[in-house]
Structures are given as structure tokens and as C-alpha cells.
Amino acid sequence: MATTTSIFNGDLQGGLLAHAEELSGQLAAGQVPAEKIAEIRRLVFNDRLDAAVCAVFMVLVAVIVVEAVRAWAWAPSSPG
């Protein structure tokens, strides 16, 4: 489950949401130099967007797997 790890990992290096939260906290605390504010906001947006895209793909893969199992289970057991 690399997707769930990349979304929800609490490690700042591996977790998209943790990284976005850390950067947002730095922005709120005023720890970011003025010339880097736009860059940090863009990084926060990109981390959250990447997490959302990963979640959508994870749901799509789950739907495909469920539908494939359902189709296989309802398939006739004998040909013809």
C-alpha cells in the first residue's frame, strides 16, 4: 500500500499531508522569509493536490478490483 503510505505517513519526507501541514504551520507562525511565501504556498497546494490524486487513483483501483471479482463470481461456471 505505497499510496496510503505516501498520503498518510507522519514522516515529513514520505507523507504528503504531513509535509503540507508542516509547511502550513511554518507559514502561520511566520517562520518563512517573505521571498519564499509564494513558493511555500505552492508546495502546500501541490502536496494536497498530490494526496487527492493518489486517493482518487486508490479508489479507482479498488473499484476495478471489486468489479473484476464480482464479474468473475457471477460468470457461468461452464462455457456455452
Protein backbone atom coordinates (compact mmCIF):
# COMPACT_ATOMS: atom_id res chain seq x y z
CA MET A 1 0.00 0.00 0.00
CA ALA A 2 2.53 2.57 -1.10
CA THR A 3 -0.26 5.03 -1.89
CA THR A 4 -1.63 5.08 1.65
CA THR A 5 1.90 5.41 2.97
CA SER A 6 2.64 8.37 0.73
CA ILE A 7 -0.61 10.08 1.73
CA PHE A 8 -0.86 9.38 5.46
CA ASN A 9 2.74 8.77 6.57
CA GLY A 10 3.57 11.02 9.51
CA ASP A 11 7.18 11.34 8.32
CA LEU A 12 7.82 14.70 6.68
CA GLN A 13 9.91 13.07 3.95
CA GLY A 14 7.31 10.50 2.96
CA GLY A 15 3.90 11.83 3.88
CA LEU A 16 2.26 14.34 1.59
CA LEU A 17 -0.24 15.58 4.15
CA ALA A 18 2.35 15.72 6.94
CA HIS A 19 4.64 17.78 4.74
CA ALA A 20 1.80 20.14 3.78
CA GLU A 21 0.82 20.51 7.44
CA GLU A 22 4.39 21.26 8.48
CA LEU A 23 4.78 23.93 5.80
CA SER A 24 1.38 25.44 6.68
CA GLY A 25 2.45 25.63 10.31
CA GLN A 26 5.62 27.43 9.34
CA LEU A 27 3.60 29.90 7.27
CA ALA A 28 1.16 30.52 10.13
CA ALA A 29 3.98 31.00 12.62
CA GLY A 30 5.75 33.50 10.37
CA GLN A 31 8.88 31.35 10.08
CA VAL A 32 9.08 31.68 6.31
CA PRO A 33 11.05 34.54 4.72
CA ALA A 34 8.90 36.93 2.69
CA GLU A 35 10.54 35.96 -0.60
CA LYS A 36 9.68 32.27 -0.06
CA ILE A 37 5.99 32.65 0.90
CA ALA A 38 4.66 32.12 -2.63
CA GLU A 39 6.89 29.06 -3.11
CA ILE A 40 5.80 27.51 0.20
CA ARG A 41 2.12 28.13 -0.58
CA ARG A 42 2.63 26.43 -3.94
CA LEU A 43 4.31 23.45 -2.23
CA VAL A 44 1.42 23.14 0.24
CA PHE A 45 -1.11 23.23 -2.60
CA ASN A 46 0.86 20.67 -4.62
CA ASP A 47 1.22 18.29 -1.66
CA ARG A 48 -2.53 18.42 -1.01
CA LEU A 49 -3.33 18.01 -4.71
CA ASP A 50 -0.96 15.03 -4.97
CA ALA A 51 -2.64 13.44 -1.94
CA ALA A 52 -6.08 13.92 -3.50
CA VAL A 53 -4.97 12.46 -6.84
CA CYS A 54 -3.41 9.46 -5.07
CA ALA A 55 -6.64 8.91 -3.13
CA VAL A 56 -8.73 9.06 -6.32
CA PHE A 57 -6.48 6.54 -8.05
CA MET A 58 -6.60 4.30 -4.98
CA VAL A 59 -10.41 4.35 -5.07
CA LEU A 60 -10.44 3.66 -8.81
CA VAL A 61 -8.15 0.65 -8.41
CA ALA A 62 -10.34 -0.67 -5.59
CA VAL A 63 -13.47 -0.29 -7.74
CA ILE A 64 -11.81 -2.11 -10.65
CA VAL A 65 -10.72 -4.97 -8.39
CA VAL A 66 -14.18 -5.28 -6.80
CA GLU A 67 -15.88 -5.22 -10.21
CA ALA A 68 -13.47 -7.83 -11.57
CA VAL A 69 -14.13 -10.13 -8.60
CA ARG A 70 -17.87 -9.57 -8.93
CA ALA A 71 -17.79 -10.36 -12.65
CA TRP A 72 -15.71 -13.46 -12.05
CA ALA A 73 -18.01 -14.66 -9.26
CA TRP A 74 -21.14 -14.22 -11.38
CA ALA A 75 -19.63 -15.74 -14.52
CA PRO A 76 -21.17 -19.01 -15.62
CA SER A 77 -19.17 -21.97 -14.40
CA SER A 78 -19.45 -23.86 -17.69
CA PRO A 79 -18.75 -22.45 -21.14
CA GLY A 80 -21.57 -22.06 -23.62
